[in-house]
Amino acid sequence: MYRHVLLLSFCIMVLAQAGCRAPEGQDPLTGPGPLAPQVDRGQATVRLWTIWNTEPRASALADIVNAFEAQNPGIKIEVSAFEPDAYKTSIRVALGG
C-alpha cells in the first residue's frame, strides 16, 4: 500500500511539472521552483512533500523511500514533512508561482 502512495505522489509531481513550461532560454530541469528536480552529476533529486510526520507513518515512508532509492540508483528522494496547514499553504504557493 505504501508503494502505491509513493508512486501516486511521484506521478502527481511529474504531471505538475509536465504542465509547466520553462521561461524562454531556461533549462526546464535545472530552473528554479520548489518542484523542479535538481540534477547533479547524473544524480536526480525528487522532492516529496508529505504530512506524514508522526509515527508510524514517518517510519513507513522512510522505509519506502529507502527501498525506492536502493532500487533506483541515481535518484534521491528529498522528503519534507509539513503540518497539514503548512502543507496546504506550500502547495498553493508552489502551484501559484
N, C-alpha and C. Protein backbone atom coordinates (compact mmCIF):
# COMPACT_ATOMS: atom_id res chain seq x y z
N MET A 1 0.82 -1.19 0.00
CA MET A 1 0.00 0.00 0.00
C MET A 1 0.86 1.26 0.00
N TYR A 2 1.94 1.24 0.80
CA TYR A 2 2.79 2.42 0.89
C TYR A 2 3.50 2.71 -0.43
N ARG A 3 3.78 1.65 -1.18
CA ARG A 3 4.39 1.87 -2.50
C ARG A 3 3.41 2.61 -3.41
N HIS A 4 2.14 2.32 -3.26
CA HIS A 4 1.14 3.00 -4.07
C HIS A 4 1.09 4.49 -3.73
N VAL A 5 1.21 4.80 -2.45
CA VAL A 5 1.19 6.21 -2.03
C VAL A 5 2.40 6.94 -2.61
N LEU A 6 3.57 6.32 -2.52
CA LEU A 6 4.78 6.94 -3.07
C LEU A 6 4.67 7.09 -4.59
N LEU A 7 4.18 6.05 -5.25
CA LEU A 7 4.02 6.11 -6.70
C LEU A 7 3.03 7.20 -7.10
N LEU A 8 1.92 7.29 -6.39
CA LEU A 8 0.92 8.32 -6.67
C LEU A 8 1.50 9.72 -6.46
N SER A 9 2.24 9.91 -5.37
CA SER A 9 2.87 11.21 -5.11
C SER A 9 3.85 11.56 -6.22
N PHE A 10 4.65 10.59 -6.63
CA PHE A 10 5.61 10.82 -7.70
C PHE A 10 4.90 11.19 -9.01
N CYS A 11 3.83 10.48 -9.33
CA CYS A 11 3.07 10.77 -10.56
C CYS A 11 2.47 12.17 -10.53
N ILE A 12 1.96 12.58 -9.38
CA ILE A 12 1.39 13.92 -9.26
C ILE A 12 2.47 14.96 -9.50
N MET A 13 3.66 14.75 -8.93
CA MET A 13 4.75 15.71 -9.14
C MET A 13 5.17 15.76 -10.61
N VAL A 14 5.24 14.60 -11.25
CA VAL A 14 5.63 14.56 -12.66
C VAL A 14 4.59 15.26 -13.52
N LEU A 15 3.31 14.99 -13.25
CA LEU A 15 2.26 15.65 -14.02
C LEU A 15 2.25 17.15 -13.80
N ALA A 16 2.52 17.58 -12.59
CA ALA A 16 2.58 19.02 -12.31
C ALA A 16 3.71 19.66 -13.10
N GLN A 17 4.85 18.98 -13.19
CA GLN A 17 5.97 19.50 -13.95
C GLN A 17 5.72 19.46 -15.45
N ALA A 18 5.00 18.45 -15.91
CA ALA A 18 4.75 18.31 -17.34
C ALA A 18 3.88 19.45 -17.86
N GLY A 19 3.02 19.97 -17.01
CA GLY A 19 2.14 21.06 -17.43
C GLY A 19 2.79 22.43 -17.36
N CYS A 20 3.99 22.50 -16.85
CA CYS A 20 4.67 23.80 -16.69
C CYS A 20 5.73 23.96 -17.77
N ARG A 21 5.81 25.15 -18.34
CA ARG A 21 6.85 25.44 -19.32
C ARG A 21 7.90 26.30 -18.67
N ALA A 22 9.13 26.05 -19.02
CA ALA A 22 10.23 26.87 -18.52
C ALA A 22 10.25 28.19 -19.27
N PRO A 23 10.67 29.28 -18.61
CA PRO A 23 10.80 30.55 -19.31
C PRO A 23 11.77 30.43 -20.48
N GLU A 24 11.63 31.30 -21.46
CA GLU A 24 12.47 31.27 -22.66
C GLU A 24 13.95 31.26 -22.30
N GLY A 25 14.67 30.30 -22.86
CA GLY A 25 16.11 30.22 -22.65
C GLY A 25 16.51 29.58 -21.33
N GLN A 26 15.57 29.03 -20.57
CA GLN A 26 15.89 28.42 -19.28
C GLN A 26 15.71 26.91 -19.38
N ASP A 27 16.65 26.17 -18.84
CA ASP A 27 16.58 24.72 -18.86
C ASP A 27 15.48 24.25 -17.91
N PRO A 28 14.48 23.48 -18.39
CA PRO A 28 13.37 23.08 -17.52
C PRO A 28 13.78 22.15 -16.38
N LEU A 29 14.92 21.45 -16.50
CA LEU A 29 15.33 20.54 -15.43
C LEU A 29 16.11 21.22 -14.33
N THR A 30 16.70 22.34 -14.60
CA THR A 30 17.53 22.97 -13.58
C THR A 30 17.01 24.33 -13.17
N GLY A 31 15.86 24.74 -13.70
CA GLY A 31 15.29 26.04 -13.37
C GLY A 31 14.82 26.10 -11.93
N PRO A 32 14.57 27.31 -11.44
CA PRO A 32 14.14 27.46 -10.06
C PRO A 32 12.71 26.98 -9.87
N GLY A 33 12.34 26.76 -8.64
CA GLY A 33 10.98 26.35 -8.31
C GLY A 33 10.99 25.23 -7.30
N PRO A 34 10.00 25.17 -6.43
CA PRO A 34 10.00 24.18 -5.37
C PRO A 34 9.83 22.75 -5.85
N LEU A 35 9.27 22.55 -7.04
CA LEU A 35 9.05 21.19 -7.53
C LEU A 35 10.02 20.78 -8.63
N ALA A 36 10.94 21.68 -9.00
CA ALA A 36 11.88 21.37 -10.07
C ALA A 36 12.90 20.35 -9.57
N PRO A 37 13.14 19.27 -10.34
CA PRO A 37 14.14 18.30 -9.93
C PRO A 37 15.53 18.92 -9.99
N GLN A 38 16.38 18.54 -9.09
CA GLN A 38 17.75 19.04 -9.05
C GLN A 38 18.66 17.98 -9.67
N VAL A 39 19.43 18.36 -10.66
CA VAL A 39 20.31 17.43 -11.36
C VAL A 39 21.75 17.76 -10.98
N ASP A 40 22.49 16.75 -10.52
CA ASP A 40 23.86 16.96 -10.09
C ASP A 40 24.68 15.72 -10.43
N ARG A 41 25.54 15.83 -11.45
CA ARG A 41 26.44 14.74 -11.85
C ARG A 41 25.70 13.42 -12.04
N GLY A 42 24.61 13.44 -12.77
CA GLY A 42 23.88 12.22 -13.04
C GLY A 42 22.93 11.81 -11.92
N GLN A 43 22.95 12.52 -10.82
CA GLN A 43 22.06 12.23 -9.70
C GLN A 43 20.84 13.14 -9.79
N ALA A 44 19.66 12.58 -9.78
CA ALA A 44 18.42 13.38 -9.79
C ALA A 44 17.83 13.37 -8.39
N THR A 45 17.34 14.52 -7.97
CA THR A 45 16.69 14.63 -6.67
C THR A 45 15.23 14.97 -6.89
N VAL A 46 14.36 14.16 -6.28
CA VAL A 46 12.93 14.39 -6.35
C VAL A 46 12.49 14.85 -4.96
N ARG A 47 11.79 15.98 -4.92
CA ARG A 47 11.30 16.49 -3.65
C ARG A 47 9.91 15.94 -3.39
N LEU A 48 9.74 15.33 -2.23
CA LEU A 48 8.47 14.74 -1.84
C LEU A 48 7.96 15.47 -0.60
N TRP A 49 6.83 16.14 -0.75
CA TRP A 49 6.21 16.84 0.38
C TRP A 49 5.16 15.91 0.97
N THR A 50 5.11 15.85 2.30
CA THR A 50 4.18 14.95 2.96
C THR A 50 3.69 15.55 4.27
N ILE A 51 2.56 15.04 4.73
CA ILE A 51 2.07 15.39 6.06
C ILE A 51 2.26 14.20 6.99
N TRP A 52 2.95 13.18 6.53
CA TRP A 52 3.24 12.00 7.35
C TRP A 52 4.45 12.31 8.22
N ASN A 53 4.25 13.06 9.27
CA ASN A 53 5.36 13.46 10.12
C ASN A 53 5.30 12.85 11.51
N THR A 54 4.37 11.94 11.75
CA THR A 54 4.28 11.25 13.04
C THR A 54 4.37 9.75 12.81
N GLU A 55 4.70 9.05 13.88
CA GLU A 55 4.80 7.59 13.81
C GLU A 55 3.41 6.98 13.78
N PRO A 56 3.18 5.87 13.15
CA PRO A 56 4.12 5.01 12.44
C PRO A 56 4.32 5.40 10.98
N ARG A 57 3.60 6.42 10.50
CA ARG A 57 3.68 6.78 9.08
C ARG A 57 5.05 7.31 8.68
N ALA A 58 5.70 8.08 9.54
CA ALA A 58 7.01 8.64 9.20
C ALA A 58 8.02 7.52 8.95
N SER A 59 8.02 6.51 9.81
CA SER A 59 8.94 5.37 9.63
C SER A 59 8.59 4.57 8.39
N ALA A 60 7.30 4.39 8.14
CA ALA A 60 6.87 3.65 6.95
C ALA A 60 7.31 4.38 5.69
N LEU A 61 7.14 5.69 5.66
CA LEU A 61 7.55 6.46 4.49
C LEU A 61 9.07 6.41 4.31
N ALA A 62 9.81 6.48 5.41
CA ALA A 62 11.28 6.38 5.33
C ALA A 62 11.69 5.03 4.75
N ASP A 63 11.02 3.96 5.15
CA ASP A 63 11.31 2.63 4.60
C ASP A 63 11.01 2.58 3.10
N ILE A 64 9.90 3.17 2.69
CA ILE A 64 9.51 3.19 1.28
C ILE A 64 10.55 3.96 0.46
N VAL A 65 10.94 5.12 0.97
CA VAL A 65 11.92 5.96 0.27
C VAL A 65 13.26 5.23 0.17
N ASN A 66 13.71 4.61 1.26
CA ASN A 66 14.98 3.88 1.23
C ASN A 66 14.94 2.73 0.23
N ALA A 67 13.83 1.99 0.20
CA ALA A 67 13.70 0.88 -0.76
C ALA A 67 13.69 1.41 -2.19
N PHE A 68 12.99 2.51 -2.44
CA PHE A 68 12.95 3.10 -3.78
C PHE A 68 14.35 3.53 -4.22
N GLU A 69 15.07 4.22 -3.33
CA GLU A 69 16.41 4.68 -3.67
C GLU A 69 17.37 3.52 -3.92
N ALA A 70 17.20 2.42 -3.17
CA ALA A 70 18.04 1.24 -3.38
C ALA A 70 17.77 0.60 -4.73
N GLN A 71 16.52 0.62 -5.17
CA GLN A 71 16.15 0.02 -6.45
C GLN A 71 16.41 0.95 -7.64
N ASN A 72 16.60 2.23 -7.37
CA ASN A 72 16.77 3.22 -8.43
C ASN A 72 17.99 4.08 -8.17
N PRO A 73 19.18 3.53 -8.42
CA PRO A 73 20.39 4.32 -8.19
C PRO A 73 20.38 5.55 -9.10
N GLY A 74 20.86 6.64 -8.58
CA GLY A 74 20.87 7.87 -9.36
C GLY A 74 19.66 8.75 -9.08
N ILE A 75 18.71 8.26 -8.27
CA ILE A 75 17.55 9.06 -7.89
C ILE A 75 17.52 9.17 -6.38
N LYS A 76 17.51 10.39 -5.89
CA LYS A 76 17.42 10.63 -4.45
C LYS A 76 16.09 11.30 -4.15
N ILE A 77 15.41 10.82 -3.13
CA ILE A 77 14.14 11.40 -2.71
C ILE A 77 14.41 12.29 -1.50
N GLU A 78 14.07 13.56 -1.63
CA GLU A 78 14.23 14.52 -0.54
C GLU A 78 12.84 14.74 0.08
N VAL A 79 12.66 14.20 1.29
CA VAL A 79 11.35 14.25 1.94
C VAL A 79 11.27 15.49 2.84
N SER A 80 10.21 16.26 2.67
CA SER A 80 9.92 17.41 3.52
C SER A 80 8.57 17.17 4.18
N ALA A 81 8.58 17.04 5.50
CA ALA A 81 7.34 16.79 6.24
C ALA A 81 6.78 18.12 6.74
N PHE A 82 5.49 18.31 6.55
CA PHE A 82 4.80 19.54 6.94
C PHE A 82 3.64 19.21 7.86
N GLU A 83 3.24 20.19 8.65
CA GLU A 83 1.97 20.13 9.34
C GLU A 83 0.89 20.36 8.27
N PRO A 84 -0.33 19.86 8.47
CA PRO A 84 -1.35 19.98 7.42
C PRO A 84 -1.59 21.39 6.89
N ASP A 85 -1.68 22.38 7.77
CA ASP A 85 -1.94 23.74 7.29
C ASP A 85 -0.75 24.30 6.51
N ALA A 86 0.46 24.04 6.98
CA ALA A 86 1.65 24.50 6.27
C ALA A 86 1.77 23.79 4.91
N TYR A 87 1.37 22.52 4.86
CA TYR A 87 1.38 21.76 3.61
C TYR A 87 0.45 22.40 2.59
N LYS A 88 -0.77 22.72 3.03
CA LYS A 88 -1.74 23.34 2.13
C LYS A 88 -1.24 24.69 1.61
N THR A 89 -0.65 25.48 2.49
CA THR A 89 -0.10 26.77 2.09
C THR A 89 1.04 26.59 1.09
N SER A 90 1.94 25.65 1.35
CA SER A 90 3.07 25.41 0.46
C SER A 90 2.61 24.96 -0.93
N ILE A 91 1.60 24.11 -0.98
CA ILE A 91 1.06 23.65 -2.27
C ILE A 91 0.47 24.83 -3.03
N ARG A 92 -0.30 25.66 -2.34
CA ARG A 92 -0.90 26.83 -3.01
C ARG A 92 0.18 27.76 -3.58
N VAL A 93 1.22 28.01 -2.78
CA VAL A 93 2.30 28.89 -3.23
C VAL A 93 3.04 28.28 -4.41
N ALA A 94 3.33 26.98 -4.34
CA ALA A 94 4.06 26.33 -5.43
C ALA A 94 3.25 26.32 -6.72
N LEU A 95 1.97 26.04 -6.63
CA LEU A 95 1.14 25.99 -7.82
C LEU A 95 0.85 27.39 -8.36
N GLY A 96 0.82 28.38 -7.49
CA GLY A 96 0.57 29.75 -7.93
C GLY A 96 1.78 30.41 -8.54
N GLY A 97 2.97 29.89 -8.25
CA GLY A 97 4.21 30.51 -8.73
C GLY A 97 4.63 30.03 -10.00
